[in-house]
Amino acid sequence: TDFDLGVNFDQILTTVQTFLTTYPTETVLLHLVEEQSSSGCTRSFEDTYKAYRDAYAPLFWTPTTQDP
C-alpha cells in the first residue's frame, strides 16, 4: 500500500545532513526508486536526482577505487 509521508526530498536530505553533522562517523543508505509516473513534471527522474545530488553534493559518496 502506498501512502504519502508528507515530506519532500529536500526535507529528507536536510534531516540526513543534520544527522551526519551530529554523528560524522555514521553512514546513511537510501534506496531511491521511481514508483509512480511523473505526470506534470518537466524533467525526468534521473535529472531530478542529479539536481538534488548537485545541490547536496557533500552528502553523496562519489565512487572511487576504494570502498566508501
N, C-alpha and C. Protein backbone atom coordinates (compact mmCIF):
# COMPACT_ATOMS: atom_id res chain seq x y z
N THR A 1 0.85 -1.19 0.00
CA THR A 1 0.00 0.00 0.00
C THR A 1 0.88 1.24 0.00
N ASP A 2 0.60 2.16 -0.91
CA ASP A 2 1.33 3.42 -0.98
C ASP A 2 0.66 4.46 -0.09
N PHE A 3 1.46 5.30 0.52
CA PHE A 3 0.91 6.42 1.26
C PHE A 3 1.93 7.55 1.29
N ASP A 4 1.45 8.76 1.41
CA ASP A 4 2.27 9.96 1.39
C ASP A 4 2.75 10.26 2.81
N LEU A 5 4.06 10.41 2.97
CA LEU A 5 4.62 10.72 4.28
C LEU A 5 4.52 12.20 4.62
N GLY A 6 4.17 13.02 3.64
CA GLY A 6 4.02 14.45 3.89
C GLY A 6 5.34 15.21 3.96
N VAL A 7 6.40 14.64 3.40
CA VAL A 7 7.70 15.32 3.35
C VAL A 7 8.22 15.26 1.92
N ASN A 8 9.08 16.21 1.60
CA ASN A 8 9.70 16.18 0.28
C ASN A 8 11.17 15.78 0.43
N PHE A 9 11.84 15.60 -0.69
CA PHE A 9 13.22 15.12 -0.65
C PHE A 9 14.16 16.14 -0.03
N ASP A 10 13.88 17.43 -0.19
CA ASP A 10 14.68 18.46 0.49
C ASP A 10 14.64 18.25 2.01
N GLN A 11 13.47 17.99 2.54
CA GLN A 11 13.33 17.77 3.98
C GLN A 11 14.09 16.52 4.43
N ILE A 12 14.03 15.49 3.63
CA ILE A 12 14.75 14.26 3.96
C ILE A 12 16.25 14.52 3.96
N LEU A 13 16.76 15.18 2.93
CA LEU A 13 18.20 15.43 2.85
C LEU A 13 18.67 16.40 3.93
N THR A 14 17.85 17.35 4.31
CA THR A 14 18.20 18.25 5.40
C THR A 14 18.29 17.48 6.72
N THR A 15 17.37 16.54 6.93
CA THR A 15 17.42 15.70 8.13
C THR A 15 18.66 14.82 8.13
N VAL A 16 18.99 14.25 6.98
CA VAL A 16 20.20 13.44 6.86
C VAL A 16 21.43 14.30 7.14
N GLN A 17 21.45 15.50 6.61
CA GLN A 17 22.58 16.41 6.81
C GLN A 17 22.75 16.74 8.30
N THR A 18 21.68 17.00 8.99
CA THR A 18 21.73 17.29 10.42
C THR A 18 22.24 16.07 11.19
N PHE A 19 21.72 14.90 10.85
CA PHE A 19 22.17 13.67 11.49
C PHE A 19 23.67 13.45 11.30
N LEU A 20 24.14 13.62 10.06
CA LEU A 20 25.56 13.36 9.78
C LEU A 20 26.47 14.42 10.39
N THR A 21 25.95 15.61 10.58
CA THR A 21 26.73 16.64 11.27
C THR A 21 26.88 16.27 12.75
N THR A 22 25.82 15.75 13.32
CA THR A 22 25.83 15.34 14.72
C THR A 22 26.64 14.07 14.93
N TYR A 23 26.56 13.16 13.97
CA TYR A 23 27.24 11.85 14.06
C TYR A 23 28.10 11.63 12.81
N PRO A 24 29.23 12.31 12.72
CA PRO A 24 30.03 12.31 11.49
C PRO A 24 30.64 10.97 11.10
N THR A 25 30.67 10.01 12.01
CA THR A 25 31.22 8.70 11.63
C THR A 25 30.16 7.74 11.13
N GLU A 26 28.92 8.17 11.09
CA GLU A 26 27.82 7.33 10.62
C GLU A 26 27.66 7.42 9.10
N THR A 27 26.90 6.50 8.56
CA THR A 27 26.57 6.46 7.14
C THR A 27 25.07 6.26 6.99
N VAL A 28 24.49 6.91 6.01
CA VAL A 28 23.06 6.75 5.73
C VAL A 28 22.94 6.19 4.31
N LEU A 29 22.23 5.08 4.18
CA LEU A 29 21.99 4.48 2.87
C LEU A 29 20.54 4.73 2.48
N LEU A 30 20.34 5.23 1.30
CA LEU A 30 18.99 5.46 0.77
C LEU A 30 18.84 4.68 -0.52
N HIS A 31 17.71 4.07 -0.69
CA HIS A 31 17.38 3.39 -1.93
C HIS A 31 16.27 4.20 -2.60
N LEU A 32 16.60 4.81 -3.70
CA LEU A 32 15.64 5.67 -4.41
C LEU A 32 15.12 4.96 -5.64
N VAL A 33 13.81 4.95 -5.78
CA VAL A 33 13.20 4.37 -6.96
C VAL A 33 12.04 5.25 -7.41
N GLU A 34 11.79 5.24 -8.68
CA GLU A 34 10.64 5.96 -9.23
C GLU A 34 9.47 4.98 -9.22
N GLU A 35 8.55 5.18 -8.28
CA GLU A 35 7.45 4.23 -8.11
C GLU A 35 6.20 4.61 -8.88
N GLN A 36 6.07 5.86 -9.24
CA GLN A 36 4.88 6.30 -9.94
C GLN A 36 5.29 7.09 -11.17
N SER A 37 4.37 7.22 -12.11
CA SER A 37 4.67 8.02 -13.29
C SER A 37 4.78 9.48 -12.86
N SER A 38 5.53 10.23 -13.60
CA SER A 38 5.80 11.62 -13.25
C SER A 38 4.90 12.57 -14.04
N SER A 39 3.61 12.44 -13.83
CA SER A 39 2.67 13.30 -14.55
C SER A 39 2.83 14.75 -14.08
N GLY A 40 2.90 15.65 -15.02
CA GLY A 40 3.02 17.07 -14.71
C GLY A 40 4.44 17.54 -14.42
N CYS A 41 5.42 16.63 -14.45
CA CYS A 41 6.81 17.02 -14.20
C CYS A 41 7.46 17.50 -15.49
N THR A 42 8.39 18.41 -15.33
CA THR A 42 9.07 18.96 -16.51
C THR A 42 10.44 18.34 -16.75
N ARG A 43 10.87 17.44 -15.87
CA ARG A 43 12.15 16.77 -16.09
C ARG A 43 12.05 15.31 -15.64
N SER A 44 13.00 14.53 -16.08
CA SER A 44 12.99 13.10 -15.78
C SER A 44 13.39 12.84 -14.33
N PHE A 45 13.12 11.62 -13.88
CA PHE A 45 13.54 11.19 -12.54
C PHE A 45 15.05 11.32 -12.41
N GLU A 46 15.78 10.91 -13.43
CA GLU A 46 17.24 10.98 -13.41
C GLU A 46 17.74 12.41 -13.30
N ASP A 47 17.13 13.32 -14.06
CA ASP A 47 17.54 14.73 -13.99
C ASP A 47 17.21 15.34 -12.64
N THR A 48 16.09 14.94 -12.07
CA THR A 48 15.72 15.43 -10.74
C THR A 48 16.72 14.91 -9.70
N TYR A 49 17.07 13.63 -9.79
CA TYR A 49 18.08 13.07 -8.87
C TYR A 49 19.40 13.84 -9.00
N LYS A 50 19.84 14.08 -10.22
CA LYS A 50 21.11 14.79 -10.44
C LYS A 50 21.07 16.20 -9.84
N ALA A 51 19.93 16.87 -9.94
CA ALA A 51 19.80 18.21 -9.36
C ALA A 51 19.95 18.16 -7.84
N TYR A 52 19.32 17.17 -7.20
CA TYR A 52 19.48 17.02 -5.75
C TYR A 52 20.91 16.63 -5.39
N ARG A 53 21.48 15.72 -6.14
CA ARG A 53 22.87 15.30 -5.89
C ARG A 53 23.81 16.48 -5.97
N ASP A 54 23.60 17.35 -6.94
CA ASP A 54 24.46 18.53 -7.08
C ASP A 54 24.22 19.54 -5.95
N ALA A 55 22.96 19.72 -5.56
CA ALA A 55 22.63 20.68 -4.51
C ALA A 55 23.12 20.22 -3.13
N TYR A 56 23.17 18.92 -2.92
CA TYR A 56 23.58 18.35 -1.64
C TYR A 56 24.85 17.51 -1.82
N ALA A 57 25.75 17.97 -2.64
CA ALA A 57 26.94 17.20 -3.03
C ALA A 57 27.73 16.61 -1.86
N PRO A 58 27.94 17.34 -0.76
CA PRO A 58 28.73 16.75 0.33
C PRO A 58 28.09 15.50 0.97
N LEU A 59 26.80 15.31 0.78
CA LEU A 59 26.13 14.15 1.37
C LEU A 59 26.29 12.89 0.54
N PHE A 60 26.64 13.04 -0.71
CA PHE A 60 26.67 11.90 -1.63
C PHE A 60 28.09 11.38 -1.80
N TRP A 61 28.23 10.07 -1.72
CA TRP A 61 29.51 9.43 -1.94
C TRP A 61 29.78 9.36 -3.42
N THR A 62 30.97 9.74 -3.82
CA THR A 62 31.41 9.62 -5.20
C THR A 62 32.30 8.38 -5.30
N PRO A 63 31.89 7.40 -6.09
CA PRO A 63 32.68 6.16 -6.18
C PRO A 63 34.11 6.42 -6.58
N THR A 64 35.02 5.69 -5.93
CA THR A 64 36.45 5.72 -6.24
C THR A 64 36.91 4.28 -6.38
N THR A 65 38.19 4.09 -6.39
CA THR A 65 38.71 2.73 -6.46
C THR A 65 38.71 2.06 -5.10
N GLN A 66 38.36 2.81 -4.04
CA GLN A 66 38.32 2.24 -2.69
C GLN A 66 36.88 2.16 -2.21
N ASP A 67 36.66 1.29 -1.23
CA ASP A 67 35.33 1.19 -0.63
C ASP A 67 34.98 2.50 0.07
N PRO A 68 33.69 2.79 0.19
CA PRO A 68 33.31 4.03 0.88
C PRO A 68 33.63 3.99 2.35
